C-alpha atoms as a PDB file:
ATOM      1  CA  MET A   1     -22.994  26.648 -20.931  1.00  0.00           C
ATOM      2  CA  VAL A   2     -20.035  26.577 -18.496  1.00  0.00           C
ATOM      3  CA  VAL A   3     -18.422  23.153 -17.658  1.00  0.00           C
ATOM      4  CA  PRO A   4     -16.662  23.568 -14.490  1.00  0.00           C
ATOM      5  CA  ASP A   5     -12.615  21.980 -15.180  1.00  0.00           C
ATOM      6  CA  LYS A   6     -11.536  18.687 -14.124  1.00  0.00           C
ATOM      7  CA  LYS A   7      -9.673  20.084 -10.834  1.00  0.00           C
ATOM      8  CA  ARG A   8     -13.260  21.918  -9.735  1.00  0.00           C
ATOM      9  CA  LEU A   9     -15.363  18.784 -10.546  1.00  0.00           C
ATOM     10  CA  TYR A  10     -12.469  16.668  -8.301  1.00  0.00           C
ATOM     11  CA  TYR A  11     -13.314  19.138  -5.749  1.00  0.00           C
ATOM     12  CA  LEU A  12     -16.765  19.211  -6.009  1.00  0.00           C
ATOM     13  CA  SER A  13     -16.936  15.291  -6.380  1.00  0.00           C
ATOM     14  CA  TRP A  14     -15.041  15.313  -2.848  1.00  0.00           C
ATOM     15  CA  LEU A  15     -17.422  17.892  -1.499  1.00  0.00           C
ATOM     16  CA  THR A  16     -20.436  15.698  -2.581  1.00  0.00           C
ATOM     17  CA  LEU A  17     -18.618  12.411  -0.927  1.00  0.00           C
ATOM     18  CA  ALA A  18     -17.805  14.182   2.471  1.00  0.00           C
ATOM     19  CA  GLY A  19     -20.616  16.850   2.840  1.00  0.00           C
ATOM     20  CA  MET A  20     -23.665  15.106   1.808  1.00  0.00           C
ATOM     21  CA  SER A  21     -22.391  11.978   3.927  1.00  0.00           C
ATOM     22  CA  ALA A  22     -21.656  14.370   6.995  1.00  0.00           C
ATOM     23  CA  ILE A  23     -25.308  15.990   6.761  1.00  0.00           C
ATOM     24  CA  GLY A  24     -26.799  12.478   6.232  1.00  0.00           C
ATOM     25  CA  ILE A  25     -25.119  11.265   9.246  1.00  0.00           C
ATOM     26  CA  VAL A  26     -26.056  14.007  11.260  1.00  0.00           C
ATOM     27  CA  LEU A  27     -29.799  13.525  10.272  1.00  0.00           C
ATOM     28  CA  ILE A  28     -28.968   9.719  10.841  1.00  0.00           C
ATOM     29  CA  ASN A  29     -27.766  10.447  14.493  1.00  0.00           C
ATOM     30  CA  TYR A  30     -29.980  13.658  15.527  1.00  0.00           C
ATOM     31  CA  LEU A  31     -33.222  13.436  13.825  1.00  0.00           C
ATOM     32  CA  GLN A  32     -33.629   9.783  13.756  1.00  0.00           C
ATOM     33  CA  GLN A  33     -31.913   9.027  16.822  1.00  0.00           C
ATOM     34  CA  ARG A  34     -30.614   5.837  15.182  1.00  0.00           C
ATOM     35  CA  ASP A  35     -26.860   4.171  15.332  1.00  0.00           C
ATOM     36  CA  VAL A  36     -25.246   5.593  12.465  1.00  0.00           C
ATOM     37  CA  SER A  37     -23.138   2.579  12.110  1.00  0.00           C
ATOM     38  CA  ASN A  38     -26.316   0.238  11.847  1.00  0.00           C
ATOM     39  CA  VAL A  39     -28.050   2.497   9.301  1.00  0.00           C
ATOM     40  CA  LEU A  40     -24.688   2.258   6.850  1.00  0.00           C
ATOM     41  CA  THR A  41     -23.882  -0.946   7.187  1.00  0.00           C
ATOM     42  CA  GLY A  42     -26.920  -3.144   8.180  1.00  0.00           C
ATOM     43  CA  GLY A  43     -29.081  -4.752   5.830  1.00  0.00           C
ATOM     44  CA  LYS A  44     -29.125  -8.204   3.856  1.00  0.00           C
ATOM     45  CA  ASN A  45     -25.557  -9.581   3.698  1.00  0.00           C
ATOM     46  CA  TYR A  46     -23.104  -7.714   1.057  1.00  0.00           C
ATOM     47  CA  TYR A  47     -23.058 -10.246  -1.591  1.00  0.00           C
ATOM     48  CA  LEU A  48     -26.884 -10.146  -1.768  1.00  0.00           C
ATOM     49  CA  GLN A  49     -27.171  -6.121  -1.675  1.00  0.00           C
ATOM     50  CA  VAL A  50     -24.406  -5.894  -4.390  1.00  0.00           C
ATOM     51  CA  ILE A  51     -26.076  -8.344  -6.749  1.00  0.00           C
ATOM     52  CA  ALA A  52     -29.408  -6.548  -6.141  1.00  0.00           C
ATOM     53  CA  GLY A  53     -27.839  -3.028  -6.857  1.00  0.00           C
ATOM     54  CA  LEU A  54     -25.721  -4.321 -10.005  1.00  0.00           C
ATOM     55  CA  PHE A  55     -29.349  -5.590 -11.276  1.00  0.00           C
ATOM     56  CA  PHE A  56     -31.438  -2.806 -11.004  1.00  0.00           C
ATOM     57  CA  GLY A  57     -28.537  -0.038 -11.413  1.00  0.00           C
ATOM     58  CA  SER A  58     -28.240  -1.796 -15.168  1.00  0.00           C
ATOM     59  CA  LEU A  59     -31.849  -1.963 -15.863  1.00  0.00           C
ATOM     60  CA  ALA A  60     -32.178   1.808 -15.029  1.00  0.00           C
ATOM     61  CA  ALA A  61     -29.197   2.465 -16.760  1.00  0.00           C
ATOM     62  CA  LEU A  62     -30.822   0.491 -20.017  1.00  0.00           C
ATOM     63  CA  LEU A  63     -34.152   2.693 -19.319  1.00  0.00           C
ATOM     64  CA  ALA A  64     -32.815   5.577 -19.431  1.00  0.00           C
ATOM     65  CA  VAL A  65     -30.572   5.068 -22.661  1.00  0.00           C
ATOM     66  CA  VAL A  66     -33.368   3.861 -24.336  1.00  0.00           C
ATOM     67  CA  LEU A  67     -35.292   7.098 -23.588  1.00  0.00           C
ATOM     68  CA  ILE A  68     -32.489   9.629 -24.181  1.00  0.00           C
ATOM     69  CA  ASN A  69     -31.950   7.993 -27.243  1.00  0.00           C
ATOM     70  CA  GLY A  70     -35.167   8.627 -29.059  1.00  0.00           C
ATOM     71  CA  LYS A  71     -36.205  11.408 -31.368  1.00  0.00           C
ATOM     72  CA  ARG A  72     -37.829  13.502 -28.581  1.00  0.00           C
ATOM     73  CA  PHE A  73     -34.885  13.410 -26.538  1.00  0.00           C
ATOM     74  CA  LYS A  74     -32.587  14.367 -28.928  1.00  0.00           C
ATOM     75  CA  SER A  75     -31.835  17.982 -27.543  1.00  0.00           C
ATOM     76  CA  VAL A  76     -31.715  16.347 -24.041  1.00  0.00           C
ATOM     77  CA  ARG A  77     -29.231  14.095 -25.357  1.00  0.00           C
ATOM     78  CA  CYS A  78     -26.853  16.536 -27.522  1.00  0.00           C
ATOM     79  CA  PHE A  79     -26.898  18.633 -23.961  1.00  0.00           C
ATOM     80  CA  TYR A  80     -25.529  16.212 -22.005  1.00  0.00           C
ATOM     81  CA  GLN A  81     -22.887  14.771 -24.988  1.00  0.00           C
ATOM     82  CA  ASP A  82     -22.078  18.347 -24.987  1.00  0.00           C
ATOM     83  CA  MET A  83     -21.247  18.538 -21.499  1.00  0.00           C
ATOM     84  CA  MET A  84     -19.182  15.396 -21.573  1.00  0.00           C
ATOM     85  CA  GLN A  85     -17.278  16.815 -24.649  1.00  0.00           C
ATOM     86  CA  ASP A  86     -16.316  19.804 -22.893  1.00  0.00           C
ATOM     87  CA  MET A  87     -15.583  17.933 -19.552  1.00  0.00           C
ATOM     88  CA  ASN A  88     -13.492  14.987 -21.807  1.00  0.00           C
ATOM     89  CA  PRO A  89     -13.459  12.888 -18.319  1.00  0.00           C
ATOM     90  CA  SER A  90     -11.090   9.594 -18.648  1.00  0.00           C
ATOM     91  CA  ILE A  91     -12.522   6.593 -17.234  1.00  0.00           C
ATOM     92  CA  PHE A  92     -10.993   7.097 -13.954  1.00  0.00           C
ATOM     93  CA  ASN A  93     -12.649  10.568 -13.788  1.00  0.00           C
ATOM     94  CA  ILE A  94     -16.062   9.076 -14.473  1.00  0.00           C
ATOM     95  CA  LEU A  95     -15.705   6.498 -11.530  1.00  0.00           C
ATOM     96  CA  PHE A  96     -14.065   8.582  -9.138  1.00  0.00           C
ATOM     97  CA  TYR A  97     -17.087  11.288  -9.925  1.00  0.00           C
ATOM     98  CA  SER A  98     -19.431   8.377 -10.064  1.00  0.00           C
ATOM     99  CA  PHE A  99     -18.192   6.856  -6.563  1.00  0.00           C
ATOM    100  CA  CYS A 100     -18.372  10.030  -4.765  1.00  0.00           C
ATOM    101  CA  ALA A 101     -21.594  10.929  -5.910  1.00  0.00           C
ATOM    102  CA  SER A 102     -23.271   7.417  -5.233  1.00  0.00           C
ATOM    103  CA  VAL A 103     -22.193   7.283  -1.475  1.00  0.00           C
ATOM    104  CA  GLY A 104     -22.507  11.191  -0.661  1.00  0.00           C
ATOM    105  CA  GLU A 105     -26.027  10.938  -2.326  1.00  0.00           C
ATOM    106  CA  GLU A 106     -27.130   7.821  -1.095  1.00  0.00           C
ATOM    107  CA  VAL A 107     -26.188   8.598   2.747  1.00  0.00           C
ATOM    108  CA  LEU A 108     -27.561  11.801   2.315  1.00  0.00           C
ATOM    109  CA  PHE A 109     -30.877  11.108   0.574  1.00  0.00           C
ATOM    110  CA  ARG A 110     -31.537   7.388   1.150  1.00  0.00           C
ATOM    111  CA  ALA A 111     -30.304   6.871   4.738  1.00  0.00           C
ATOM    112  CA  GLY A 112     -30.556  10.356   5.938  1.00  0.00           C
ATOM    113  CA  ILE A 113     -33.735  12.085   4.625  1.00  0.00           C
ATOM    114  CA  GLN A 114     -35.730   9.163   3.575  1.00  0.00           C
ATOM    115  CA  PRO A 115     -36.289   7.822   6.724  1.00  0.00           C
ATOM    116  CA  LEU A 116     -37.699  10.866   8.446  1.00  0.00           C
ATOM    117  CA  PRO A 117     -41.075  11.235   9.424  1.00  0.00           C
ATOM    118  CA  HIS A 118     -43.449  12.307   6.898  1.00  0.00           C
ATOM    119  CA  VAL A 119     -40.649  11.611   4.085  1.00  0.00           C
ATOM    120  CA  GLY A 120     -40.453   8.325   2.832  1.00  0.00           C
ATOM    121  CA  ILE A 121     -39.238   6.991  -0.627  1.00  0.00           C
ATOM    122  CA  TRP A 122     -41.281   8.665  -3.101  1.00  0.00           C
ATOM    123  CA  PRO A 123     -40.639  12.522  -1.586  1.00  0.00           C
ATOM    124  CA  ALA A 124     -37.268  11.512  -0.973  1.00  0.00           C
ATOM    125  CA  ALA A 125     -36.786  10.775  -4.821  1.00  0.00           C
ATOM    126  CA  ILE A 126     -38.310  13.925  -5.757  1.00  0.00           C
ATOM    127  CA  LEU A 127     -36.385  15.845  -3.520  1.00  0.00           C
ATOM    128  CA  PHE A 128     -33.208  13.980  -4.760  1.00  0.00           C
ATOM    129  CA  VAL A 129     -33.989  14.750  -8.616  1.00  0.00           C
ATOM    130  CA  PHE A 130     -35.121  18.513  -7.962  1.00  0.00           C
ATOM    131  CA  PHE A 131     -32.630  19.644  -5.586  1.00  0.00           C
ATOM    132  CA  SER A 132     -29.471  17.546  -6.550  1.00  0.00           C
ATOM    133  CA  HIS A 133     -29.870  17.217 -10.161  1.00  0.00           C
ATOM    134  CA  GLY A 134     -32.123  19.681 -11.576  1.00  0.00           C
ATOM    135  CA  TYR A 135     -33.795  17.984 -14.079  1.00  0.00           C
ATOM    136  CA  ILE A 136     -37.461  19.906 -13.287  1.00  0.00           C
ATOM    137  CA  GLN A 137     -37.428  23.048 -15.859  1.00  0.00           C
ATOM    138  CA  PRO A 138     -41.019  24.531 -16.724  1.00  0.00           C
ATOM    139  CA  THR A 139     -39.697  25.360 -20.526  1.00  0.00           C
ATOM    140  CA  ASN A 140     -38.160  22.039 -21.419  1.00  0.00           C
ATOM    141  CA  ILE A 141     -40.530  19.166 -21.627  1.00  0.00           C
ATOM    142  CA  SER A 142     -38.281  16.677 -22.927  1.00  0.00           C
ATOM    143  CA  LEU A 143     -35.780  17.009 -19.717  1.00  0.00           C
ATOM    144  CA  ASN A 144     -38.954  17.030 -17.399  1.00  0.00           C
ATOM    145  CA  ILE A 145     -40.110  13.834 -18.680  1.00  0.00           C
ATOM    146  CA  PHE A 146     -36.408  12.422 -18.452  1.00  0.00           C
ATOM    147  CA  GLY A 147     -36.845  13.958 -14.640  1.00  0.00           C
ATOM    148  CA  MET A 148     -39.773  12.021 -13.836  1.00  0.00           C
ATOM    149  CA  LEU A 149     -37.942   8.663 -15.047  1.00  0.00           C
ATOM    150  CA  LEU A 150     -35.464   9.574 -13.027  1.00  0.00           C
ATOM    151  CA  VAL A 151     -37.764  10.182  -9.912  1.00  0.00           C
ATOM    152  CA  VAL A 152     -38.698   6.563 -10.394  1.00  0.00           C
ATOM    153  CA  ILE A 153     -34.949   5.257 -10.715  1.00  0.00           C
ATOM    154  CA  SER A 154     -34.403   7.373  -7.493  1.00  0.00           C
ATOM    155  CA  ALA A 155     -37.317   5.732  -5.983  1.00  0.00           C
ATOM    156  CA  GLY A 156     -35.868   2.389  -6.706  1.00  0.00           C
ATOM    157  CA  PHE A 157     -32.725   3.336  -4.860  1.00  0.00           C
ATOM    158  CA  GLY A 158     -35.147   4.028  -2.079  1.00  0.00           C
ATOM    159  CA  TYR A 159     -36.604   0.698  -2.403  1.00  0.00           C
ATOM    160  CA  LEU A 160     -32.978  -1.095  -2.567  1.00  0.00           C
ATOM    161  CA  PHE A 161     -32.215   0.886   0.996  1.00  0.00           C
ATOM    162  CA  LYS A 162     -35.543  -0.258   2.883  1.00  0.00           C
ATOM    163  CA  PHE A 163     -35.312  -3.740   1.188  1.00  0.00           C
ATOM    164  CA  PHE A 164     -31.797  -4.792   1.128  1.00  0.00           C
ATOM    165  CA  GLY A 165     -29.319  -2.006   2.562  1.00  0.00           C
ATOM    166  CA  LEU A 166     -27.682   1.455   1.688  1.00  0.00           C
ATOM    167  CA  ALA A 167     -24.635  -0.734  -0.205  1.00  0.00           C
ATOM    168  CA  SER A 168     -27.423  -1.847  -2.627  1.00  0.00           C
ATOM    169  CA  ALA A 169     -28.767   1.888  -3.604  1.00  0.00           C
ATOM    170  CA  VAL A 170     -25.123   2.965  -3.579  1.00  0.00           C
ATOM    171  CA  THR A 171     -24.142   0.057  -5.893  1.00  0.00           C
ATOM    172  CA  ALA A 172     -26.979   1.040  -8.166  1.00  0.00           C
ATOM    173  CA  HIS A 173     -26.319   4.564  -8.630  1.00  0.00           C
ATOM    174  CA  PHE A 174     -22.884   3.699  -8.865  1.00  0.00           C
ATOM    175  CA  VAL A 175     -23.712   1.397 -12.001  1.00  0.00           C
ATOM    176  CA  TYR A 176     -25.909   3.950 -13.053  1.00  0.00           C
ATOM    177  CA  ASP A 177     -24.116   6.926 -13.236  1.00  0.00           C
ATOM    178  CA  VAL A 178     -20.877   4.828 -14.832  1.00  0.00           C
ATOM    179  CA  ALA A 179     -23.438   3.648 -17.562  1.00  0.00           C
ATOM    180  CA  MET A 180     -25.014   6.972 -18.505  1.00  0.00           C
ATOM    181  CA  PHE A 181     -21.288   8.737 -18.577  1.00  0.00           C
ATOM    182  CA  CYS A 182     -20.007   6.191 -20.686  1.00  0.00           C
ATOM    183  CA  VAL A 183     -22.961   6.269 -23.102  1.00  0.00           C
ATOM    184  CA  LEU A 184     -23.047  10.424 -23.154  1.00  0.00           C
ATOM    185  CA  LYS A 185     -19.351  10.332 -23.433  1.00  0.00           C
ATOM    186  CA  TYR A 186     -18.936   7.330 -26.137  1.00  0.00           C
ATOM    187  CA  SER A 187     -21.900   7.393 -28.202  1.00  0.00           C
ATOM    188  CA  VAL A 188     -21.899   8.949 -31.602  1.00  0.00           C
ATOM    189  CA  ARG A 189     -23.479  12.622 -31.959  1.00  0.00           C
ATOM    190  CA  GLU A 190     -26.015  13.151 -34.441  1.00  0.00           C
END
């Protein structure tokens, strides 16, 4: 397994933030023909969005931690723990990577792709997990099951976007990523 060094991950994070956000903005503006600022900043008030995002992100992380700590998922957990050990991210790195991923991916998948005709919440969630994270691998059943949980979590981000606004989806995604990074980095390897 080749893990990019911190400098490369730093640049990839910026690319995720800027590149995915830019593609999402193009989709909003040209394919959806909607006001970009309204899509990005609209919805319920920010306090409600943040509370909803904190709640769902924490619940999603808790479910993922319970699943990944099961015996059946030891190989998946060990794979990601090895990756965290190789990366050895500081708390600043974890916060930065999580911020870039949550903003860039949510602008693209929730605000840009999900509202397109014939897409919707569940297809956008499947695209997100398949293309953005590669959890679908025919030879690894445990990883596929974990990937299915991530489709459900990603759909939850989609419902947050639909009913509360983009800030709720970004907050939930950020909380989930930070929690998973920390659990995988700081948990004891069996």
